[in-house]
Amino acid sequence: RDESENEQGEEEEITRQYEICKKLAKKLQTEKDDLEIKVATLEQKVRLEHNERRYDLNKLDVEKMYWSERISQTEERIENAKLWLRRCRGLDIDEMRSPEEVDEIFQK
């Protein structure tokens, strides 16, 4: 009888320990799932912000190219105007441009 009671007591203790471990495993699994959701959410946020920054950077690159082109055109017009002024002052009278050529230069 004592042996039977001891075995039954051991089985109950094992069952009780098993239930405790089972609850703990379930709790840990829930925590793990919650953390995986948080990580996935953060990854998505980082990807979105990265894409936004990339879009901003591309937009700025396009704007930079536009203004670089405008600066080049303006520099060319300034050089043409300097040439025109020198010719108008008589320095290059033989090569003076016609009014149509001058108008064409300033319409660029």
C-alpha atoms as a PDB file:
ATOM      1  CA  ARG A   1       0.000   0.000   0.000  1.00  0.00           C
ATOM      2  CA  ASP A   2       2.691   2.469   0.944  1.00  0.00           C
ATOM      3  CA  GLU A   3       4.505   1.702  -2.266  1.00  0.00           C
ATOM      4  CA  SER A   4       1.309   2.215  -4.262  1.00  0.00           C
ATOM      5  CA  GLU A   5       0.664   5.527  -2.489  1.00  0.00           C
ATOM      6  CA  ASN A   6       4.256   6.594  -3.152  1.00  0.00           C
ATOM      7  CA  GLU A   7       3.912   5.780  -6.859  1.00  0.00           C
ATOM      8  CA  GLN A   8       0.602   7.632  -7.018  1.00  0.00           C
ATOM      9  CA  GLY A   9       2.175  10.618  -5.196  1.00  0.00           C
ATOM     10  CA  GLU A  10       5.081  10.611  -7.633  1.00  0.00           C
ATOM     11  CA  GLU A  11       2.702  10.482 -10.589  1.00  0.00           C
ATOM     12  CA  GLU A  12       0.690  13.380  -9.190  1.00  0.00           C
ATOM     13  CA  GLU A  13       3.886  15.379  -8.652  1.00  0.00           C
ATOM     14  CA  ILE A  14       5.041  14.580 -12.200  1.00  0.00           C
ATOM     15  CA  THR A  15       1.620  15.586 -13.551  1.00  0.00           C
ATOM     16  CA  ARG A  16       1.700  18.810 -11.513  1.00  0.00           C
ATOM     17  CA  GLN A  17       5.233  19.634 -12.743  1.00  0.00           C
ATOM     18  CA  TYR A  18       4.158  18.821 -16.314  1.00  0.00           C
ATOM     19  CA  GLU A  19       1.193  21.221 -16.073  1.00  0.00           C
ATOM     20  CA  ILE A  20       3.469  23.971 -14.693  1.00  0.00           C
ATOM     21  CA  CYS A  21       5.933  23.434 -17.539  1.00  0.00           C
ATOM     22  CA  LYS A  22       3.091  23.344 -20.065  1.00  0.00           C
ATOM     23  CA  LYS A  23       1.729  26.704 -18.807  1.00  0.00           C
ATOM     24  CA  LEU A  24       5.210  28.204 -18.815  1.00  0.00           C
ATOM     25  CA  ALA A  25       5.847  26.940 -22.360  1.00  0.00           C
ATOM     26  CA  LYS A  26       2.525  28.441 -23.496  1.00  0.00           C
ATOM     27  CA  LYS A  27       3.376  31.786 -21.835  1.00  0.00           C
ATOM     28  CA  LEU A  28       6.838  31.821 -23.426  1.00  0.00           C
ATOM     29  CA  GLN A  29       5.396  30.960 -26.831  1.00  0.00           C
ATOM     30  CA  THR A  30       2.927  33.860 -26.518  1.00  0.00           C
ATOM     31  CA  GLU A  31       5.756  36.229 -25.557  1.00  0.00           C
ATOM     32  CA  LYS A  32       7.827  34.957 -28.499  1.00  0.00           C
ATOM     33  CA  ASP A  33       4.905  35.488 -30.893  1.00  0.00           C
ATOM     34  CA  ASP A  34       4.381  39.026 -29.553  1.00  0.00           C
ATOM     35  CA  LEU A  35       8.067  39.829 -29.999  1.00  0.00           C
ATOM     36  CA  GLU A  36       8.076  38.452 -33.550  1.00  0.00           C
ATOM     37  CA  ILE A  37       5.119  40.710 -34.366  1.00  0.00           C
ATOM     38  CA  LYS A  38       6.946  43.714 -32.877  1.00  0.00           C
ATOM     39  CA  VAL A  39      10.099  42.893 -34.859  1.00  0.00           C
ATOM     40  CA  ALA A  40       8.130  42.491 -38.098  1.00  0.00           C
ATOM     41  CA  THR A  41       6.362  45.805 -37.463  1.00  0.00           C
ATOM     42  CA  LEU A  42       9.679  47.571 -36.837  1.00  0.00           C
ATOM     43  CA  GLU A  43      11.227  46.022 -39.956  1.00  0.00           C
ATOM     44  CA  GLN A  44       8.278  47.231 -42.005  1.00  0.00           C
ATOM     45  CA  LYS A  45       8.594  50.734 -40.523  1.00  0.00           C
ATOM     46  CA  VAL A  46      12.338  50.838 -41.256  1.00  0.00           C
ATOM     47  CA  ARG A  47      11.773  49.654 -44.847  1.00  0.00           C
ATOM     48  CA  LEU A  48       9.088  52.295 -45.348  1.00  0.00           C
ATOM     49  CA  GLU A  49      11.295  55.066 -43.944  1.00  0.00           C
ATOM     50  CA  HIS A  50      14.214  53.839 -46.062  1.00  0.00           C
ATOM     51  CA  ASN A  51      12.039  53.975 -49.192  1.00  0.00           C
ATOM     52  CA  GLU A  52      10.861  57.472 -48.277  1.00  0.00           C
ATOM     53  CA  ARG A  53      14.445  58.661 -47.823  1.00  0.00           C
ATOM     54  CA  ARG A  54      15.443  57.018 -51.094  1.00  0.00           C
ATOM     55  CA  TYR A  55      12.563  58.803 -52.862  1.00  0.00           C
ATOM     56  CA  ASP A  56      13.638  62.124 -51.300  1.00  0.00           C
ATOM     57  CA  LEU A  57      17.233  61.518 -52.352  1.00  0.00           C
ATOM     58  CA  ASN A  58      16.217  60.707 -55.946  1.00  0.00           C
ATOM     59  CA  LYS A  59      14.014  63.791 -56.029  1.00  0.00           C
ATOM     60  CA  LEU A  60      16.937  65.939 -54.823  1.00  0.00           C
ATOM     61  CA  ASP A  61      19.262  64.373 -57.408  1.00  0.00           C
ATOM     62  CA  VAL A  62      16.815  65.269 -60.184  1.00  0.00           C
ATOM     63  CA  GLU A  63      16.522  68.807 -58.851  1.00  0.00           C
ATOM     64  CA  LYS A  64      20.322  69.066 -58.612  1.00  0.00           C
ATOM     65  CA  MET A  65      20.695  67.955 -62.243  1.00  0.00           C
ATOM     66  CA  TYR A  66      18.060  70.518 -63.304  1.00  0.00           C
ATOM     67  CA  TRP A  67      19.844  73.359 -61.517  1.00  0.00           C
ATOM     68  CA  SER A  68      23.266  72.244 -62.766  1.00  0.00           C
ATOM     69  CA  GLU A  69      21.928  72.394 -66.316  1.00  0.00           C
ATOM     70  CA  ARG A  70      20.407  75.830 -65.676  1.00  0.00           C
ATOM     71  CA  ILE A  71      23.729  77.053 -64.262  1.00  0.00           C
ATOM     72  CA  SER A  72      25.591  75.742 -67.325  1.00  0.00           C
ATOM     73  CA  GLN A  73      23.121  77.463 -69.645  1.00  0.00           C
ATOM     74  CA  THR A  74      23.422  80.720 -67.689  1.00  0.00           C
ATOM     75  CA  GLU A  75      27.225  80.550 -67.770  1.00  0.00           C
ATOM     76  CA  GLU A  76      27.101  80.003 -71.523  1.00  0.00           C
ATOM     77  CA  ARG A  77      24.766  82.984 -71.945  1.00  0.00           C
ATOM     78  CA  ILE A  78      27.097  85.135 -69.828  1.00  0.00           C
ATOM     79  CA  GLU A  79      30.071  84.163 -71.989  1.00  0.00           C
ATOM     80  CA  ASN A  80      28.082  84.918 -75.145  1.00  0.00           C
ATOM     81  CA  ALA A  81      27.050  88.278 -73.691  1.00  0.00           C
ATOM     82  CA  LYS A  82      30.699  89.095 -72.895  1.00  0.00           C
ATOM     83  CA  LEU A  83      31.643  88.235 -76.472  1.00  0.00           C
ATOM     84  CA  TRP A  84      28.823  90.403 -77.764  1.00  0.00           C
ATOM     85  CA  LEU A  85      29.927  93.312 -75.550  1.00  0.00           C
ATOM     86  CA  ARG A  86      33.531  93.042 -76.770  1.00  0.00           C
ATOM     87  CA  ARG A  87      32.349  93.057 -80.374  1.00  0.00           C
ATOM     88  CA  CYS A  88      30.040  95.996 -79.695  1.00  0.00           C
ATOM     89  CA  ARG A  89      32.956  97.962 -78.235  1.00  0.00           C
ATOM     90  CA  GLY A  90      34.754  97.564 -81.526  1.00  0.00           C
ATOM     91  CA  LEU A  91      37.235  94.964 -80.389  1.00  0.00           C
ATOM     92  CA  ASP A  92      35.961  92.406 -82.891  1.00  0.00           C
ATOM     93  CA  ILE A  93      34.045  94.620 -85.334  1.00  0.00           C
ATOM     94  CA  ASP A  94      34.707  92.305 -88.278  1.00  0.00           C
ATOM     95  CA  GLU A  95      33.030  89.408 -86.499  1.00  0.00           C
ATOM     96  CA  MET A  96      30.118  91.344 -84.989  1.00  0.00           C
ATOM     97  CA  ARG A  97      26.927  89.315 -84.894  1.00  0.00           C
ATOM     98  CA  SER A  98      23.757  90.338 -86.589  1.00  0.00           C
ATOM     99  CA  PRO A  99      20.802  91.429 -84.399  1.00  0.00           C
ATOM    100  CA  GLU A 100      19.114  88.086 -85.211  1.00  0.00           C
ATOM    101  CA  GLU A 101      22.143  86.132 -83.945  1.00  0.00           C
ATOM    102  CA  VAL A 102      22.216  88.212 -80.774  1.00  0.00           C
ATOM    103  CA  ASP A 103      18.480  87.632 -80.217  1.00  0.00           C
ATOM    104  CA  GLU A 104      19.038  83.907 -80.708  1.00  0.00           C
ATOM    105  CA  ILE A 105      21.778  83.879 -78.066  1.00  0.00           C
ATOM    106  CA  PHE A 106      19.612  85.606 -75.453  1.00  0.00           C
ATOM    107  CA  GLN A 107      16.610  83.387 -76.105  1.00  0.00           C
ATOM    108  CA  LYS A 108      18.528  80.236 -75.152  1.00  0.00           C
END
